[in-house]
């Protein structure tokens, strides 16, 4: 496996970590593989480790080249800083496609939570002057072929304005990242105390169009961060614009479950959950798209 971390831009700390399958031998030589580019979540405050390498290795086991983007976070890196980094990452993979034996026409972007917001934003803006004008790249270089969104932040409307006490306790014990401080909307706008109009401008449901790539979405009813209506609303908007979509809504499971198995969570936390099925479903969905295209 080619496993390296590459600095994407001179004026950014963003990096791309590669999980590229070694070339095979005999009848398995020179196999061109599909790829996934993974955007971990973290509320644009941190980069979740659980939603990076474990996910990359899971897709690698299924025959995919995988890449993990560590993008710029915090309020001094407002929108579209991370989106520009994701666009450059897509272009960089396509530029090296022949060398890495990547199918440049089958590169999916996977995002979780805030990373889902980022991935969806690329699907929305890949052919927009916001990206084309600021990067010098073409839409063909940066368009994802598919989107896979795990509990994505779509409307950015909080399920609750108050951080639950148990979450504060976990943060104070160092059992999860400390997410206190500017919220996700303030980070994207680059300032605090937003107006209602500024908040509304970040709602991605209003920006869905018919040229988005086919999209796979999953989440849970119990998610204390992302409203289930975010996911339903996104699926409905994609349907109205004739964008192929698949939605899986699991009953049980908190926010940030990543793969939902023992590679990322304790056995006690996942033993009665079946949300880990999203991964196998996503692989079948990806392969289904290849067969039907």
C-alpha atoms as a PDB file:
ATOM      1  CA  UNK A   1       0.000   0.000   0.000  1.00  0.00           C
ATOM      2  CA  UNK A   2       1.189   3.507  -0.796  1.00  0.00           C
ATOM      3  CA  UNK A   3       0.556   5.251   2.502  1.00  0.00           C
ATOM      4  CA  UNK A   4       1.726   8.837   2.618  1.00  0.00           C
ATOM      5  CA  UNK A   5       0.529  12.254   3.699  1.00  0.00           C
ATOM      6  CA  UNK A   6       0.741  14.997   1.087  1.00  0.00           C
ATOM      7  CA  UNK A   7       0.566  18.739   1.684  1.00  0.00           C
ATOM      8  CA  UNK A   8      -1.950  20.052  -0.839  1.00  0.00           C
ATOM      9  CA  UNK A   9      -1.345  23.808  -0.899  1.00  0.00           C
ATOM     10  CA  UNK A  10       1.428  26.174   0.120  1.00  0.00           C
ATOM     11  CA  UNK A  11      -0.902  28.552   1.945  1.00  0.00           C
ATOM     12  CA  UNK A  12      -2.897  25.876   3.771  1.00  0.00           C
ATOM     13  CA  UNK A  13      -2.231  23.143   6.314  1.00  0.00           C
ATOM     14  CA  UNK A  14      -4.632  20.793   4.513  1.00  0.00           C
ATOM     15  CA  UNK A  15      -3.251  17.332   3.807  1.00  0.00           C
ATOM     16  CA  UNK A  16      -4.279  14.302   1.786  1.00  0.00           C
ATOM     17  CA  UNK A  17      -3.401  10.891   3.239  1.00  0.00           C
ATOM     18  CA  UNK A  18      -3.295   8.052   0.716  1.00  0.00           C
ATOM     19  CA  UNK A  19      -4.301   4.412   1.111  1.00  0.00           C
ATOM     20  CA  UNK A  20      -3.442   3.233  -2.398  1.00  0.00           C
ATOM     21  CA  UNK A  21      -3.563  -0.483  -3.157  1.00  0.00           C
ATOM     22  CA  UNK A  22      -0.309  -2.039  -4.336  1.00  0.00           C
ATOM     23  CA  UNK A  23      -0.342  -3.179  -7.933  1.00  0.00           C
ATOM     24  CA  UNK A  24      -1.013  -6.906  -8.250  1.00  0.00           C
ATOM     25  CA  UNK A  25       0.816  -9.545 -10.206  1.00  0.00           C
ATOM     26  CA  UNK A  26       0.059 -11.859 -13.105  1.00  0.00           C
ATOM     27  CA  UNK A  27      -3.666 -11.627 -13.922  1.00  0.00           C
ATOM     28  CA  UNK A  28      -4.150  -9.051 -11.129  1.00  0.00           C
ATOM     29  CA  UNK A  29      -1.636  -6.580 -12.536  1.00  0.00           C
ATOM     30  CA  UNK A  30      -2.565  -3.085 -13.764  1.00  0.00           C
ATOM     31  CA  UNK A  31      -6.076  -3.181 -12.303  1.00  0.00           C
ATOM     32  CA  UNK A  32      -7.590   0.299 -12.360  1.00  0.00           C
ATOM     33  CA  UNK A  33      -9.641   0.721  -9.199  1.00  0.00           C
ATOM     34  CA  UNK A  34     -12.378   3.123  -8.068  1.00  0.00           C
ATOM     35  CA  UNK A  35     -11.499   5.527  -5.276  1.00  0.00           C
ATOM     36  CA  UNK A  36     -13.112   7.175  -2.283  1.00  0.00           C
ATOM     37  CA  UNK A  37     -12.107  10.564  -0.885  1.00  0.00           C
ATOM     38  CA  UNK A  38     -13.117  10.803   2.776  1.00  0.00           C
ATOM     39  CA  UNK A  39     -14.006  13.989   4.651  1.00  0.00           C
ATOM     40  CA  UNK A  40     -14.163  13.273   8.411  1.00  0.00           C
ATOM     41  CA  UNK A  41     -16.488  15.314  10.590  1.00  0.00           C
ATOM     42  CA  UNK A  42     -15.822  17.367  13.692  1.00  0.00           C
ATOM     43  CA  UNK A  43     -18.098  20.385  13.440  1.00  0.00           C
ATOM     44  CA  UNK A  44     -15.437  22.312  11.475  1.00  0.00           C
ATOM     45  CA  UNK A  45     -13.723  22.531  14.881  1.00  0.00           C
ATOM     46  CA  UNK A  46     -11.607  19.365  14.797  1.00  0.00           C
ATOM     47  CA  UNK A  47     -11.000  16.459  12.401  1.00  0.00           C
ATOM     48  CA  UNK A  48     -12.479  13.192  13.692  1.00  0.00           C
ATOM     49  CA  UNK A  49      -9.944  10.374  13.684  1.00  0.00           C
ATOM     50  CA  UNK A  50     -12.693   7.731  13.835  1.00  0.00           C
ATOM     51  CA  UNK A  51     -14.121   8.940  10.543  1.00  0.00           C
ATOM     52  CA  UNK A  52     -10.798   8.953   8.701  1.00  0.00           C
ATOM     53  CA  UNK A  53      -8.394   6.036   8.619  1.00  0.00           C
ATOM     54  CA  UNK A  54     -10.826   3.318   9.823  1.00  0.00           C
ATOM     55  CA  UNK A  55     -13.193   4.220   6.996  1.00  0.00           C
ATOM     56  CA  UNK A  56     -10.344   4.306   4.473  1.00  0.00           C
ATOM     57  CA  UNK A  57      -9.169   0.848   5.499  1.00  0.00           C
ATOM     58  CA  UNK A  58     -12.720  -0.527   5.335  1.00  0.00           C
ATOM     59  CA  UNK A  59     -13.095   0.596   1.716  1.00  0.00           C
ATOM     60  CA  UNK A  60      -9.568  -0.581   0.929  1.00  0.00           C
ATOM     61  CA  UNK A  61     -10.618  -4.086   2.009  1.00  0.00           C
ATOM     62  CA  UNK A  62     -13.380  -3.869  -0.596  1.00  0.00           C
ATOM     63  CA  UNK A  63     -10.921  -3.052  -3.374  1.00  0.00           C
ATOM     64  CA  UNK A  64     -11.008   0.750  -3.372  1.00  0.00           C
ATOM     65  CA  UNK A  65      -8.151   3.192  -3.325  1.00  0.00           C
ATOM     66  CA  UNK A  66      -8.873   5.529  -0.426  1.00  0.00           C
ATOM     67  CA  UNK A  67      -7.847   9.053   0.511  1.00  0.00           C
ATOM     68  CA  UNK A  68      -8.496  11.040   3.689  1.00  0.00           C
ATOM     69  CA  UNK A  69      -8.629  14.831   3.588  1.00  0.00           C
ATOM     70  CA  UNK A  70      -7.539  16.782   6.649  1.00  0.00           C
ATOM     71  CA  UNK A  71      -9.057  20.168   5.894  1.00  0.00           C
ATOM     72  CA  UNK A  72      -8.791  23.558   7.597  1.00  0.00           C
ATOM     73  CA  UNK A  73     -11.062  24.120  10.586  1.00  0.00           C
ATOM     74  CA  UNK A  74     -11.997  26.779  13.169  1.00  0.00           C
ATOM     75  CA  UNK A  75     -13.393  30.278  12.768  1.00  0.00           C
ATOM     76  CA  UNK A  76     -10.288  31.739  11.118  1.00  0.00           C
ATOM     77  CA  UNK A  77     -10.866  29.367   8.164  1.00  0.00           C
ATOM     78  CA  UNK A  78     -14.414  30.304   7.086  1.00  0.00           C
ATOM     79  CA  UNK A  79     -16.280  29.071   4.019  1.00  0.00           C
ATOM     80  CA  UNK A  80     -15.092  28.341   1.364  1.00  0.00           C
ATOM     81  CA  UNK A  81     -11.606  27.516   2.731  1.00  0.00           C
ATOM     82  CA  UNK A  82     -12.233  23.795   3.333  1.00  0.00           C
ATOM     83  CA  UNK A  83     -14.271  23.513   0.127  1.00  0.00           C
ATOM     84  CA  UNK A  84     -11.402  24.894  -1.940  1.00  0.00           C
ATOM     85  CA  UNK A  85      -9.093  22.332  -0.307  1.00  0.00           C
ATOM     86  CA  UNK A  86     -11.492  19.511  -1.175  1.00  0.00           C
ATOM     87  CA  UNK A  87     -11.662  20.716  -4.773  1.00  0.00           C
ATOM     88  CA  UNK A  88      -7.869  20.707  -5.042  1.00  0.00           C
ATOM     89  CA  UNK A  89      -7.771  17.232  -3.488  1.00  0.00           C
ATOM     90  CA  UNK A  90     -10.171  15.888  -6.136  1.00  0.00           C
ATOM     91  CA  UNK A  91      -8.146  17.464  -8.923  1.00  0.00           C
ATOM     92  CA  UNK A  92      -4.900  16.138  -7.439  1.00  0.00           C
ATOM     93  CA  UNK A  93      -6.206  12.552  -7.371  1.00  0.00           C
ATOM     94  CA  UNK A  94      -7.406  12.784 -10.966  1.00  0.00           C
ATOM     95  CA  UNK A  95      -4.066  14.275 -12.006  1.00  0.00           C
ATOM     96  CA  UNK A  96      -2.252  11.252 -10.527  1.00  0.00           C
ATOM     97  CA  UNK A  97      -4.876   8.743 -11.658  1.00  0.00           C
ATOM     98  CA  UNK A  98      -2.715   6.998 -14.255  1.00  0.00           C
ATOM     99  CA  UNK A  99       0.229   6.651 -11.852  1.00  0.00           C
ATOM    100  CA  UNK A 100      -1.949   5.367  -8.998  1.00  0.00           C
ATOM    101  CA  UNK A 101      -4.227   3.203 -11.203  1.00  0.00           C
ATOM    102  CA  UNK A 102      -7.290   5.183 -10.139  1.00  0.00           C
ATOM    103  CA  UNK A 103     -10.436   5.189 -12.261  1.00  0.00           C
ATOM    104  CA  UNK A 104     -10.748   8.946 -12.680  1.00  0.00           C
ATOM    105  CA  UNK A 105     -14.401   8.517 -13.666  1.00  0.00           C
ATOM    106  CA  UNK A 106     -15.288   6.668 -10.458  1.00  0.00           C
ATOM    107  CA  UNK A 107     -14.165   8.800  -7.515  1.00  0.00           C
ATOM    108  CA  UNK A 108     -16.693   9.150  -4.724  1.00  0.00           C
ATOM    109  CA  UNK A 109     -16.594  11.692  -1.921  1.00  0.00           C
ATOM    110  CA  UNK A 110     -17.620  10.404   1.512  1.00  0.00           C
ATOM    111  CA  UNK A 111     -18.434  12.840   4.316  1.00  0.00           C
ATOM    112  CA  UNK A 112     -19.576  12.508   7.904  1.00  0.00           C
ATOM    113  CA  UNK A 113     -21.428  15.232   9.837  1.00  0.00           C
ATOM    114  CA  UNK A 114     -19.563  18.489   9.037  1.00  0.00           C
ATOM    115  CA  UNK A 115     -17.576  16.464   6.512  1.00  0.00           C
ATOM    116  CA  UNK A 116     -20.935  15.537   4.986  1.00  0.00           C
ATOM    117  CA  UNK A 117     -21.697  19.241   4.728  1.00  0.00           C
ATOM    118  CA  UNK A 118     -18.348  19.678   2.979  1.00  0.00           C
ATOM    119  CA  UNK A 119     -18.878  16.750   0.599  1.00  0.00           C
ATOM    120  CA  UNK A 120     -22.388  17.905  -0.282  1.00  0.00           C
ATOM    121  CA  UNK A 121     -21.055  21.424  -0.860  1.00  0.00           C
ATOM    122  CA  UNK A 122     -18.634  20.085  -3.466  1.00  0.00           C
ATOM    123  CA  UNK A 123     -21.528  18.314  -5.187  1.00  0.00           C
ATOM    124  CA  UNK A 124     -23.406  21.617  -5.231  1.00  0.00           C
ATOM    125  CA  UNK A 125     -20.599  24.000  -6.167  1.00  0.00           C
ATOM    126  CA  UNK A 126     -18.288  21.964  -8.457  1.00  0.00           C
ATOM    127  CA  UNK A 127     -19.570  23.861 -11.525  1.00  0.00           C
ATOM    128  CA  UNK A 128     -20.027  27.215  -9.776  1.00  0.00           C
ATOM    129  CA  UNK A 129     -17.804  30.308 -10.210  1.00  0.00           C
ATOM    130  CA  UNK A 130     -17.098  30.120  -6.468  1.00  0.00           C
ATOM    131  CA  UNK A 131     -14.827  27.154  -7.204  1.00  0.00           C
ATOM    132  CA  UNK A 132     -14.028  27.423 -10.875  1.00  0.00           C
ATOM    133  CA  UNK A 133     -13.055  31.087 -10.616  1.00  0.00           C
ATOM    134  CA  UNK A 134     -11.029  30.745  -7.415  1.00  0.00           C
ATOM    135  CA  UNK A 135      -9.067  27.627  -8.327  1.00  0.00           C
ATOM    136  CA  UNK A 136      -8.468  27.739 -12.056  1.00  0.00           C
ATOM    137  CA  UNK A 137      -9.731  24.166 -12.137  1.00  0.00           C
ATOM    138  CA  UNK A 138     -12.496  22.856 -14.374  1.00  0.00           C
ATOM    139  CA  UNK A 139     -15.739  21.249 -13.276  1.00  0.00           C
ATOM    140  CA  UNK A 140     -14.558  17.979 -14.840  1.00  0.00           C
ATOM    141  CA  UNK A 141     -11.493  17.981 -12.589  1.00  0.00           C
ATOM    142  CA  UNK A 142     -13.367  18.444  -9.318  1.00  0.00           C
ATOM    143  CA  UNK A 143     -16.825  16.889  -9.756  1.00  0.00           C
ATOM    144  CA  UNK A 144     -17.448  13.866  -7.507  1.00  0.00           C
ATOM    145  CA  UNK A 145     -18.882  10.885  -9.365  1.00  0.00           C
ATOM    146  CA  UNK A 146     -20.903   9.905  -6.289  1.00  0.00           C
ATOM    147  CA  UNK A 147     -21.596  11.342  -2.836  1.00  0.00           C
ATOM    148  CA  UNK A 148     -21.908   9.243   0.324  1.00  0.00           C
ATOM    149  CA  UNK A 149     -23.142  11.240   3.304  1.00  0.00           C
ATOM    150  CA  UNK A 150     -23.191   9.922   6.859  1.00  0.00           C
ATOM    151  CA  UNK A 151     -25.414  11.972   9.195  1.00  0.00           C
ATOM    152  CA  UNK A 152     -24.562  15.097   7.166  1.00  0.00           C
ATOM    153  CA  UNK A 153     -25.100  18.659   8.421  1.00  0.00           C
ATOM    154  CA  UNK A 154     -27.462  20.014   5.771  1.00  0.00           C
ATOM    155  CA  UNK A 155     -29.572  22.848   7.171  1.00  0.00           C
ATOM    156  CA  UNK A 156     -27.158  23.537  10.057  1.00  0.00           C
ATOM    157  CA  UNK A 157     -30.165  24.055  12.298  1.00  0.00           C
ATOM    158  CA  UNK A 158     -29.202  22.619  15.693  1.00  0.00           C
ATOM    159  CA  UNK A 159     -31.359  19.890  17.173  1.00  0.00           C
ATOM    160  CA  UNK A 160     -30.908  21.731  20.458  1.00  0.00           C
ATOM    161  CA  UNK A 161     -29.378  25.104  21.287  1.00  0.00           C
ATOM    162  CA  UNK A 162     -28.114  23.674  24.597  1.00  0.00           C
ATOM    163  CA  UNK A 163     -25.267  21.170  24.725  1.00  0.00           C
ATOM    164  CA  UNK A 164     -26.550  18.102  26.631  1.00  0.00           C
ATOM    165  CA  UNK A 165     -25.047  17.640  30.097  1.00  0.00           C
ATOM    166  CA  UNK A 166     -23.758  14.162  29.253  1.00  0.00           C
ATOM    167  CA  UNK A 167     -21.871  15.577  26.251  1.00  0.00           C
ATOM    168  CA  UNK A 168     -20.248  18.269  28.408  1.00  0.00           C
ATOM    169  CA  UNK A 169     -19.259  15.572  30.891  1.00  0.00           C
ATOM    170  CA  UNK A 170     -17.648  13.490  28.143  1.00  0.00           C
ATOM    171  CA  UNK A 171     -15.760  16.530  26.809  1.00  0.00           C
ATOM    172  CA  UNK A 172     -14.490  17.418  30.279  1.00  0.00           C
ATOM    173  CA  UNK A 173     -13.293  13.843  30.807  1.00  0.00           C
ATOM    174  CA  UNK A 174     -11.446  13.953  27.497  1.00  0.00           C
ATOM    175  CA  UNK A 175     -13.637  11.195  26.054  1.00  0.00           C
ATOM    176  CA  UNK A 176     -14.662  13.293  23.058  1.00  0.00           C
ATOM    177  CA  UNK A 177     -13.391  16.476  21.371  1.00  0.00           C
ATOM    178  CA  UNK A 178     -14.266  19.705  23.156  1.00  0.00           C
ATOM    179  CA  UNK A 179     -16.658  21.356  20.712  1.00  0.00           C
ATOM    180  CA  UNK A 180     -17.495  24.374  22.862  1.00  0.00           C
ATOM    181  CA  UNK A 181     -16.868  27.796  21.351  1.00  0.00           C
ATOM    182  CA  UNK A 182     -18.089  29.141  17.996  1.00  0.00           C
ATOM    183  CA  UNK A 183     -20.738  26.879  16.475  1.00  0.00           C
ATOM    184  CA  UNK A 184     -20.638  25.407  12.988  1.00  0.00           C
ATOM    185  CA  UNK A 185     -22.550  28.296  11.384  1.00  0.00           C
ATOM    186  CA  UNK A 186     -20.330  30.913  13.023  1.00  0.00           C
ATOM    187  CA  UNK A 187     -17.226  29.056  11.859  1.00  0.00           C
ATOM    188  CA  UNK A 188     -18.465  28.926   8.271  1.00  0.00           C
ATOM    189  CA  UNK A 189     -19.354  32.623   8.326  1.00  0.00           C
ATOM    190  CA  UNK A 190     -16.092  33.545  10.052  1.00  0.00           C
ATOM    191  CA  UNK A 191     -17.791  35.550  12.797  1.00  0.00           C
ATOM    192  CA  UNK A 192     -20.083  35.173  15.800  1.00  0.00           C
ATOM    193  CA  UNK A 193     -23.570  36.538  16.542  1.00  0.00           C
ATOM    194  CA  UNK A 194     -25.084  35.867  13.131  1.00  0.00           C
ATOM    195  CA  UNK A 195     -28.292  37.366  11.822  1.00  0.00           C
ATOM    196  CA  UNK A 196     -31.188  35.099  10.841  1.00  0.00           C
ATOM    197  CA  UNK A 197     -30.482  35.926   7.199  1.00  0.00           C
ATOM    198  CA  UNK A 198     -26.832  34.866   7.530  1.00  0.00           C
ATOM    199  CA  UNK A 199     -27.855  31.614   9.195  1.00  0.00           C
ATOM    200  CA  UNK A 200     -30.384  30.891   6.457  1.00  0.00           C
ATOM    201  CA  UNK A 201     -27.777  31.486   3.747  1.00  0.00           C
ATOM    202  CA  UNK A 202     -25.888  28.393   4.930  1.00  0.00           C
ATOM    203  CA  UNK A 203     -28.829  26.003   4.494  1.00  0.00           C
ATOM    204  CA  UNK A 204     -27.820  23.641   1.686  1.00  0.00           C
ATOM    205  CA  UNK A 205     -31.379  22.473   1.035  1.00  0.00           C
ATOM    206  CA  UNK A 206     -31.968  25.740  -0.825  1.00  0.00           C
ATOM    207  CA  UNK A 207     -28.994  25.088  -3.114  1.00  0.00           C
ATOM    208  CA  UNK A 208     -29.780  21.603  -4.448  1.00  0.00           C
ATOM    209  CA  UNK A 209     -29.862  21.425  -8.260  1.00  0.00           C
ATOM    210  CA  UNK A 210     -30.298  18.804 -10.961  1.00  0.00           C
ATOM    211  CA  UNK A 211     -26.572  18.434 -11.743  1.00  0.00           C
ATOM    212  CA  UNK A 212     -25.614  16.910  -8.388  1.00  0.00           C
ATOM    213  CA  UNK A 213     -24.044  13.437  -8.494  1.00  0.00           C
ATOM    214  CA  UNK A 214     -26.029  10.393  -7.357  1.00  0.00           C
ATOM    215  CA  UNK A 215     -26.112  10.367  -3.572  1.00  0.00           C
ATOM    216  CA  UNK A 216     -26.216   7.839  -0.712  1.00  0.00           C
ATOM    217  CA  UNK A 217     -27.397   9.132   2.687  1.00  0.00           C
ATOM    218  CA  UNK A 218     -27.618   7.484   6.090  1.00  0.00           C
ATOM    219  CA  UNK A 219     -28.298   8.543   9.663  1.00  0.00           C
ATOM    220  CA  UNK A 220     -30.242   7.657  12.816  1.00  0.00           C
ATOM    221  CA  UNK A 221     -33.412   8.845  14.522  1.00  0.00           C
ATOM    222  CA  UNK A 222     -31.541   9.051  17.836  1.00  0.00           C
ATOM    223  CA  UNK A 223     -28.875  11.440  16.558  1.00  0.00           C
ATOM    224  CA  UNK A 224     -28.763  14.296  19.084  1.00  0.00           C
ATOM    225  CA  UNK A 225     -26.975  16.655  16.671  1.00  0.00           C
ATOM    226  CA  UNK A 226     -28.444  16.196  13.189  1.00  0.00           C
ATOM    227  CA  UNK A 227     -32.197  16.422  12.736  1.00  0.00           C
ATOM    228  CA  UNK A 228     -33.722  13.471  10.868  1.00  0.00           C
ATOM    229  CA  UNK A 229     -35.621  16.058   8.823  1.00  0.00           C
ATOM    230  CA  UNK A 230     -32.270  17.226   7.427  1.00  0.00           C
ATOM    231  CA  UNK A 231     -31.871  13.832   5.789  1.00  0.00           C
ATOM    232  CA  UNK A 232     -35.483  13.513   4.688  1.00  0.00           C
ATOM    233  CA  UNK A 233     -35.403  17.043   3.312  1.00  0.00           C
ATOM    234  CA  UNK A 234     -32.223  16.359   1.377  1.00  0.00           C
ATOM    235  CA  UNK A 235     -33.621  13.152  -0.126  1.00  0.00           C
ATOM    236  CA  UNK A 236     -36.819  14.991  -1.101  1.00  0.00           C
ATOM    237  CA  UNK A 237     -34.874  17.850  -2.689  1.00  0.00           C
ATOM    238  CA  UNK A 238     -32.759  15.402  -4.687  1.00  0.00           C
ATOM    239  CA  UNK A 239     -35.920  13.571  -5.799  1.00  0.00           C
ATOM    240  CA  UNK A 240     -37.512  16.830  -6.951  1.00  0.00           C
ATOM    241  CA  UNK A 241     -34.419  17.536  -9.051  1.00  0.00           C
ATOM    242  CA  UNK A 242     -34.275  13.989 -10.476  1.00  0.00           C
ATOM    243  CA  UNK A 243     -30.951  13.194  -8.789  1.00  0.00           C
ATOM    244  CA  UNK A 244     -30.655   9.447  -8.016  1.00  0.00           C
ATOM    245  CA  UNK A 245     -30.624   8.960  -4.255  1.00  0.00           C
ATOM    246  CA  UNK A 246     -30.704   6.242  -1.596  1.00  0.00           C
ATOM    247  CA  UNK A 247     -31.582   6.982   2.053  1.00  0.00           C
ATOM    248  CA  UNK A 248     -31.149   4.701   5.077  1.00  0.00           C
ATOM    249  CA  UNK A 249     -32.548   5.852   8.400  1.00  0.00           C
ATOM    250  CA  UNK A 250     -31.645   3.622  11.347  1.00  0.00           C
ATOM    251  CA  UNK A 251     -33.705   3.748  14.514  1.00  0.00           C
ATOM    252  CA  UNK A 252     -30.913   3.420  17.070  1.00  0.00           C
ATOM    253  CA  UNK A 253     -27.505   5.023  17.441  1.00  0.00           C
ATOM    254  CA  UNK A 254     -26.056   8.355  18.551  1.00  0.00           C
ATOM    255  CA  UNK A 255     -24.223  10.936  16.473  1.00  0.00           C
ATOM    256  CA  UNK A 256     -20.724  10.275  15.179  1.00  0.00           C
ATOM    257  CA  UNK A 257     -20.855   6.490  14.893  1.00  0.00           C
ATOM    258  CA  UNK A 258     -18.626   6.272  11.809  1.00  0.00           C
ATOM    259  CA  UNK A 259     -18.480   2.584  10.807  1.00  0.00           C
ATOM    260  CA  UNK A 260     -20.589   1.679  13.840  1.00  0.00           C
ATOM    261  CA  UNK A 261     -18.482  -1.360  14.713  1.00  0.00           C
ATOM    262  CA  UNK A 262     -15.678  -2.311  17.106  1.00  0.00           C
ATOM    263  CA  UNK A 263     -12.989  -0.698  14.976  1.00  0.00           C
ATOM    264  CA  UNK A 264     -14.246   2.699  16.164  1.00  0.00           C
ATOM    265  CA  UNK A 265     -16.501   2.085  19.182  1.00  0.00           C
ATOM    266  CA  UNK A 266     -16.574  -0.166  22.238  1.00  0.00           C
ATOM    267  CA  UNK A 267     -18.265  -3.550  22.025  1.00  0.00           C
ATOM    268  CA  UNK A 268     -20.741  -2.409  24.651  1.00  0.00           C
ATOM    269  CA  UNK A 269     -21.761   0.601  22.568  1.00  0.00           C
ATOM    270  CA  UNK A 270     -22.398  -1.284  19.335  1.00  0.00           C
ATOM    271  CA  UNK A 271     -23.496  -4.760  20.443  1.00  0.00           C
ATOM    272  CA  UNK A 272     -27.232  -4.127  19.985  1.00  0.00           C
ATOM    273  CA  UNK A 273     -26.969  -1.837  16.959  1.00  0.00           C
ATOM    274  CA  UNK A 274     -27.212  -2.757  13.297  1.00  0.00           C
ATOM    275  CA  UNK A 275     -26.372   0.639  11.814  1.00  0.00           C
ATOM    276  CA  UNK A 276     -22.984  -0.758  10.741  1.00  0.00           C
ATOM    277  CA  UNK A 277     -24.944  -2.259   7.832  1.00  0.00           C
ATOM    278  CA  UNK A 278     -24.697   1.137   6.137  1.00  0.00           C
ATOM    279  CA  UNK A 279     -21.181   0.255   5.008  1.00  0.00           C
ATOM    280  CA  UNK A 280     -22.063  -2.935   3.105  1.00  0.00           C
ATOM    281  CA  UNK A 281     -25.130  -1.193   1.708  1.00  0.00           C
ATOM    282  CA  UNK A 282     -22.931   1.649   0.458  1.00  0.00           C
ATOM    283  CA  UNK A 283     -20.550  -0.730  -1.311  1.00  0.00           C
ATOM    284  CA  UNK A 284     -23.459  -2.486  -3.046  1.00  0.00           C
ATOM    285  CA  UNK A 285     -24.872   0.917  -3.977  1.00  0.00           C
ATOM    286  CA  UNK A 286     -21.548   2.004  -5.468  1.00  0.00           C
ATOM    287  CA  UNK A 287     -21.285  -1.186  -7.518  1.00  0.00           C
ATOM    288  CA  UNK A 288     -24.905  -0.885  -8.590  1.00  0.00           C
ATOM    289  CA  UNK A 289     -24.112   2.527 -10.055  1.00  0.00           C
ATOM    290  CA  UNK A 290     -21.299   1.087 -12.150  1.00  0.00           C
ATOM    291  CA  UNK A 291     -23.550  -1.680 -13.507  1.00  0.00           C
ATOM    292  CA  UNK A 292     -26.401   0.693 -14.340  1.00  0.00           C
ATOM    293  CA  UNK A 293     -24.282   3.438 -15.918  1.00  0.00           C
END
